[in-house]
Amino acid sequence: MKKGIRKFLILSPVVAILPTALISLKCESKKISTSNSNTNANNSGTNIKDNLYESSSKVIIVDGKEYQFSDEFEHNKATEVIAIRFKDGDTVDFKNPKSNKKAVAIRFSGIDTPEKTEKIADGMRIKTSGLKFKYANLASKHTKEKLGEAKKIWIIPQRTKKSKKDTTIGLTDRYNRIIGIVVYLTQDNKIICLNKELVEFGLARVQYISLDKNSMYYTENQDYYNLIKEAERKARKEEKGFWKEDIEEIF
């Protein structure tokens, strides 16, 4: 008998008696690995199905970070809202349909879009012009379109101070606007952080947010801070939106 044939006859019975569970485990591992690859490949948003999101879920996953749901506005918790009035690219009035309270102004946390108007000497406001006005309109249009097309919208309030001297930390700024992360659900079931998206497209810069505990713009949400800072770094490098212009003409 040839040596190769003898070796085959010795090994074949071992393969035949491998436990079925072990074979199944290998198959499952392969499935999980493929699923994770698909999730990581999705850079534009977090696919709800991949993150096992359901309407009965107690958390929402935004760019890898979990936030619990809440019927009322609470720090680092997601409250479903309806967009009522669009003021500009980074400020919108929302209403919480689960409460009887009036609509509240939400200032998008950690970002700043160009201004459509500016104050003059007598305190009056006039329209801006040139590149500033152009990108202010583009940012406003983007915000209005994305939220207008959204299946759902959530606000995740962030803590802030009203002034440099303020020792208390709350959810509103000196204009009584809630500082929040704005998240929406697309028609193809992707969760998108609008704050980050505006920065990615070069329609907003990172501003009014800091990891310095002495700053009035200090945030405890380091994950979110790093998220938008990285988005800005890429936008600047790729000259997205206003980053291809003379930035001093815009801000």
Protein backbone atom coordinates (compact mmCIF):
# COMPACT_ATOMS: atom_id res chain seq x y z
CA MET A 1 0.00 0.00 0.00
CA LYS A 2 1.34 3.42 -0.91
CA LYS A 3 2.30 5.77 1.90
CA GLY A 4 -0.12 8.55 0.80
CA ILE A 5 -3.13 6.20 0.69
CA ARG A 6 -2.31 4.74 4.13
CA LYS A 7 -2.21 8.29 5.60
CA PHE A 8 -5.64 9.08 4.12
CA LEU A 9 -7.21 5.97 5.62
CA ILE A 10 -5.87 6.80 9.08
CA LEU A 11 -7.14 10.43 9.04
CA SER A 12 -10.57 9.92 7.41
CA PRO A 13 -12.32 8.36 10.47
CA VAL A 14 -11.15 11.29 12.64
CA VAL A 15 -12.84 13.81 10.33
CA ALA A 16 -15.99 11.71 10.24
CA ILE A 17 -16.42 11.74 14.01
CA LEU A 18 -15.83 15.51 14.55
CA PRO A 19 -18.69 16.85 16.75
CA THR A 20 -21.38 18.67 14.77
CA ALA A 21 -21.29 21.58 17.26
CA LEU A 22 -17.64 22.25 16.47
CA ILE A 23 -18.37 22.45 12.76
CA SER A 24 -21.32 24.79 13.42
CA LEU A 25 -19.18 27.05 15.63
CA LYS A 26 -16.72 27.55 12.80
CA CYS A 27 -19.54 28.54 10.45
CA GLU A 28 -20.97 31.00 12.99
CA SER A 29 -17.57 32.61 13.51
CA LYS A 30 -17.30 33.18 9.79
CA LYS A 31 -20.75 34.79 9.69
CA ILE A 32 -19.96 37.14 12.58
CA SER A 33 -16.69 38.20 10.97
CA THR A 34 -18.46 39.04 7.70
CA SER A 35 -21.12 41.07 9.53
CA ASN A 36 -18.51 43.09 11.40
CA SER A 37 -16.71 43.87 8.15
CA ASN A 38 -19.92 45.22 6.65
CA THR A 39 -20.54 47.39 9.70
CA ASN A 40 -17.04 48.86 9.67
CA ALA A 41 -17.26 49.54 5.94
CA ASN A 42 -20.26 51.80 6.46
CA ASN A 43 -18.68 55.23 6.94
CA SER A 44 -21.67 57.46 6.21
CA GLY A 45 -23.72 56.29 9.17
CA THR A 46 -24.52 53.45 11.51
CA ASN A 47 -26.79 50.82 9.99
CA ILE A 48 -29.58 50.11 12.45
CA LYS A 49 -29.85 46.44 11.48
CA ASP A 50 -26.14 45.83 12.05
CA ASN A 51 -26.47 47.36 15.51
CA LEU A 52 -29.63 45.37 16.29
CA TYR A 53 -31.68 48.51 16.83
CA GLU A 54 -35.40 48.01 17.31
CA SER A 55 -38.21 50.38 18.21
CA SER A 56 -38.39 48.66 21.59
CA SER A 57 -34.66 49.13 22.20
CA LYS A 58 -33.57 51.19 25.21
CA VAL A 59 -30.51 52.61 23.45
CA ILE A 60 -29.54 54.28 20.20
CA ILE A 61 -26.07 53.74 18.77
CA VAL A 62 -24.47 56.81 17.21
CA ASP A 63 -21.07 56.26 15.61
CA GLY A 64 -20.31 53.43 18.00
CA LYS A 65 -21.48 55.17 21.20
CA GLU A 66 -24.65 54.11 23.01
CA TYR A 67 -27.20 56.60 24.34
CA GLN A 68 -30.30 55.65 26.32
CA PHE A 69 -33.70 57.02 25.35
CA SER A 70 -35.67 59.50 27.45
CA ASP A 71 -39.12 61.07 27.10
CA GLU A 72 -37.72 64.33 28.49
CA PHE A 73 -34.54 66.23 27.68
CA GLU A 74 -31.75 64.78 29.82
CA HIS A 75 -27.97 64.94 29.63
CA ASN A 76 -26.56 62.35 27.20
CA LYS A 77 -29.96 60.75 26.58
CA ALA A 78 -31.82 60.71 23.26
CA THR A 79 -35.26 62.32 23.06
CA GLU A 80 -37.34 61.99 19.90
CA VAL A 81 -38.45 65.36 18.52
CA ILE A 82 -40.14 67.07 15.58
CA ALA A 83 -38.49 69.95 13.70
CA ILE A 84 -40.68 73.06 13.90
CA ARG A 85 -38.63 76.05 12.74
CA PHE A 86 -35.27 76.26 10.94
CA LYS A 87 -33.30 79.32 12.03
CA ASP A 88 -29.95 78.57 10.38
CA GLY A 89 -27.54 75.70 9.80
CA ASP A 90 -26.79 75.05 13.47
CA THR A 91 -29.93 76.21 15.29
CA VAL A 92 -33.41 74.70 14.95
CA ASP A 93 -36.58 74.80 17.04
CA PHE A 94 -37.85 71.34 17.96
CA LYS A 95 -40.90 70.08 19.81
CA ASN A 96 -41.04 67.03 22.02
CA PRO A 97 -44.32 65.31 21.00
CA LYS A 98 -44.47 63.43 24.32
CA SER A 99 -44.71 66.61 26.39
CA ASN A 100 -47.08 69.56 26.38
CA LYS A 101 -44.24 72.05 26.51
CA LYS A 102 -43.54 74.63 23.82
CA ALA A 103 -40.93 74.16 21.12
CA VAL A 104 -37.36 74.68 22.28
CA ALA A 105 -34.36 76.07 20.44
CA ILE A 106 -31.53 73.58 19.99
CA ARG A 107 -28.01 74.84 19.30
CA PHE A 108 -25.97 72.08 17.66
CA SER A 109 -23.25 71.05 20.11
CA GLY A 110 -19.63 71.82 19.28
CA ILE A 111 -20.09 73.18 15.77
CA ASP A 112 -20.54 76.56 14.10
CA THR A 113 -21.98 77.28 10.65
CA PRO A 114 -21.50 80.62 8.83
CA GLU A 115 -23.94 83.41 9.70
CA LYS A 116 -26.70 84.64 7.37
CA THR A 117 -27.00 87.90 9.31
CA GLU A 118 -24.71 89.98 11.50
CA LYS A 119 -25.10 92.85 13.95
CA ILE A 120 -24.11 96.37 13.00
CA ALA A 121 -23.27 99.35 15.21
CA ASP A 122 -26.85 100.26 16.17
CA GLY A 123 -27.67 96.67 17.15
CA MET A 124 -29.67 95.97 14.01
CA ARG A 125 -29.01 92.82 12.03
CA ILE A 126 -28.27 92.85 8.31
CA LYS A 127 -27.69 90.09 5.78
CA THR A 128 -24.13 88.96 5.27
CA SER A 129 -22.68 88.76 1.77
CA GLY A 130 -20.15 86.95 -0.38
CA LEU A 131 -18.74 83.62 0.74
CA LYS A 132 -20.15 83.97 4.24
CA PHE A 133 -23.71 84.28 2.95
CA LYS A 134 -23.15 81.53 0.36
CA TYR A 135 -22.03 78.92 2.87
CA ALA A 136 -24.54 80.04 5.48
CA ASN A 137 -27.29 79.26 2.98
CA LEU A 138 -25.71 75.95 2.00
CA ALA A 139 -25.52 74.88 5.65
CA SER A 140 -29.11 75.95 6.32
CA LYS A 141 -30.32 74.12 3.22
CA HIS A 142 -28.48 70.94 4.21
CA THR A 143 -29.95 70.96 7.73
CA LYS A 144 -33.47 71.64 6.48
CA GLU A 145 -33.33 68.97 3.78
CA LYS A 146 -31.86 66.22 5.96
CA LEU A 147 -34.24 66.80 8.87
CA GLY A 148 -37.17 67.30 6.51
CA GLU A 149 -36.56 63.91 4.88
CA ALA A 150 -35.80 62.08 8.15
CA LYS A 151 -38.00 59.26 9.42
CA LYS A 152 -37.10 60.15 13.01
CA ILE A 153 -35.06 62.83 14.80
CA TRP A 154 -33.47 62.70 18.25
CA ILE A 155 -31.75 65.32 20.40
CA ILE A 156 -29.00 64.31 22.84
CA PRO A 157 -28.47 67.28 25.22
CA GLN A 158 -24.96 68.13 26.38
CA ARG A 159 -23.95 69.98 29.53
CA THR A 160 -22.75 73.58 29.25
CA LYS A 161 -22.27 76.84 31.16
CA LYS A 162 -24.07 80.12 30.57
CA SER A 163 -20.93 82.23 31.07
CA LYS A 164 -17.26 82.04 32.04
CA LYS A 165 -18.10 82.99 35.62
CA ASP A 166 -20.93 80.50 35.89
CA THR A 167 -20.09 77.68 38.31
CA THR A 168 -23.20 75.65 37.55
CA ILE A 169 -23.53 73.31 34.60
CA GLY A 170 -26.85 72.86 32.82
CA LEU A 171 -28.30 71.98 29.44
CA THR A 172 -28.85 75.54 28.15
CA ASP A 173 -26.56 78.37 27.08
CA ARG A 174 -26.91 82.09 27.85
CA TYR A 175 -29.62 82.37 25.17
CA ASN A 176 -31.59 79.54 26.84
CA ARG A 177 -30.96 77.20 23.92
CA ILE A 178 -30.39 73.52 24.68
CA ILE A 179 -26.96 72.45 23.48
CA GLY A 180 -27.43 69.14 21.72
CA ILE A 181 -26.23 66.44 19.39
CA VAL A 182 -28.78 66.12 16.57
CA VAL A 183 -29.33 62.63 15.20
CA TYR A 184 -31.66 61.56 12.42
CA LEU A 185 -32.86 58.33 10.82
CA THR A 186 -32.63 58.20 7.02
CA GLN A 187 -35.15 56.57 4.71
CA ASP A 188 -32.73 53.66 4.22
CA ASN A 189 -32.46 53.14 7.99
CA LYS A 190 -29.13 54.71 8.82
CA ILE A 191 -28.51 56.74 11.95
CA ILE A 192 -26.66 59.95 11.09
CA CYS A 193 -25.17 62.53 13.45
CA LEU A 194 -26.08 65.81 11.73
CA ASN A 195 -23.47 67.79 13.69
CA LYS A 196 -20.72 65.53 12.37
CA GLU A 197 -22.17 65.49 8.86
CA LEU A 198 -22.13 69.29 8.58
CA VAL A 199 -18.46 69.28 9.62
CA GLU A 200 -17.64 66.45 7.19
CA PHE A 201 -19.08 68.40 4.26
CA GLY A 202 -17.20 71.59 5.14
CA LEU A 203 -20.39 73.42 6.08
CA ALA A 204 -19.49 73.82 9.77
CA ARG A 205 -16.33 74.13 11.84
CA VAL A 206 -15.68 72.71 15.30
CA GLN A 207 -16.25 75.53 17.80
CA TYR A 208 -17.52 76.19 21.34
CA ILE A 209 -16.37 72.83 22.68
CA SER A 210 -13.33 71.88 24.73
CA LEU A 211 -11.81 69.12 26.84
CA ASP A 212 -10.32 71.77 29.15
CA LYS A 213 -12.24 71.62 32.44
CA ASN A 214 -11.62 75.34 32.99
CA SER A 215 -13.32 76.29 29.73
CA MET A 216 -16.96 77.39 29.68
CA TYR A 217 -17.31 75.09 26.69
CA TYR A 218 -15.96 72.04 28.50
CA THR A 219 -17.57 68.75 27.51
CA GLU A 220 -17.53 65.43 29.34
CA ASN A 221 -18.34 63.65 26.09
CA GLN A 222 -14.83 62.96 24.87
CA ASP A 223 -16.04 60.43 22.29
CA TYR A 224 -18.19 63.07 20.61
CA TYR A 225 -15.42 65.68 20.80
CA ASN A 226 -12.97 63.33 19.09
CA LEU A 227 -15.60 62.39 16.51
CA ILE A 228 -16.17 65.93 15.24
CA LYS A 229 -12.51 66.92 15.52
CA GLU A 230 -11.54 64.00 13.28
CA ALA A 231 -14.33 64.93 10.85
CA GLU A 232 -12.94 68.48 10.69
CA ARG A 233 -9.39 67.25 10.17
CA LYS A 234 -10.48 65.21 7.15
CA ALA A 235 -12.65 68.01 5.74
CA ARG A 236 -9.74 70.46 5.91
CA LYS A 237 -7.32 67.99 4.36
CA GLU A 238 -9.70 67.21 1.50
CA GLU A 239 -10.75 70.89 1.18
CA LYS A 240 -14.44 70.13 1.53
CA GLY A 241 -16.94 72.99 1.41
CA PHE A 242 -15.61 76.29 2.72
CA TRP A 243 -12.17 74.83 3.49
CA LYS A 244 -11.23 75.41 -0.15
CA GLU A 245 -11.97 79.14 0.31
CA ASP A 246 -10.30 81.95 2.23
CA ILE A 247 -11.65 81.00 5.65
CA GLU A 248 -11.19 84.53 7.03
CA GLU A 249 -13.89 85.75 4.64
CA ILE A 250 -16.36 83.30 6.19
CA PHE A 251 -15.72 83.45 9.94
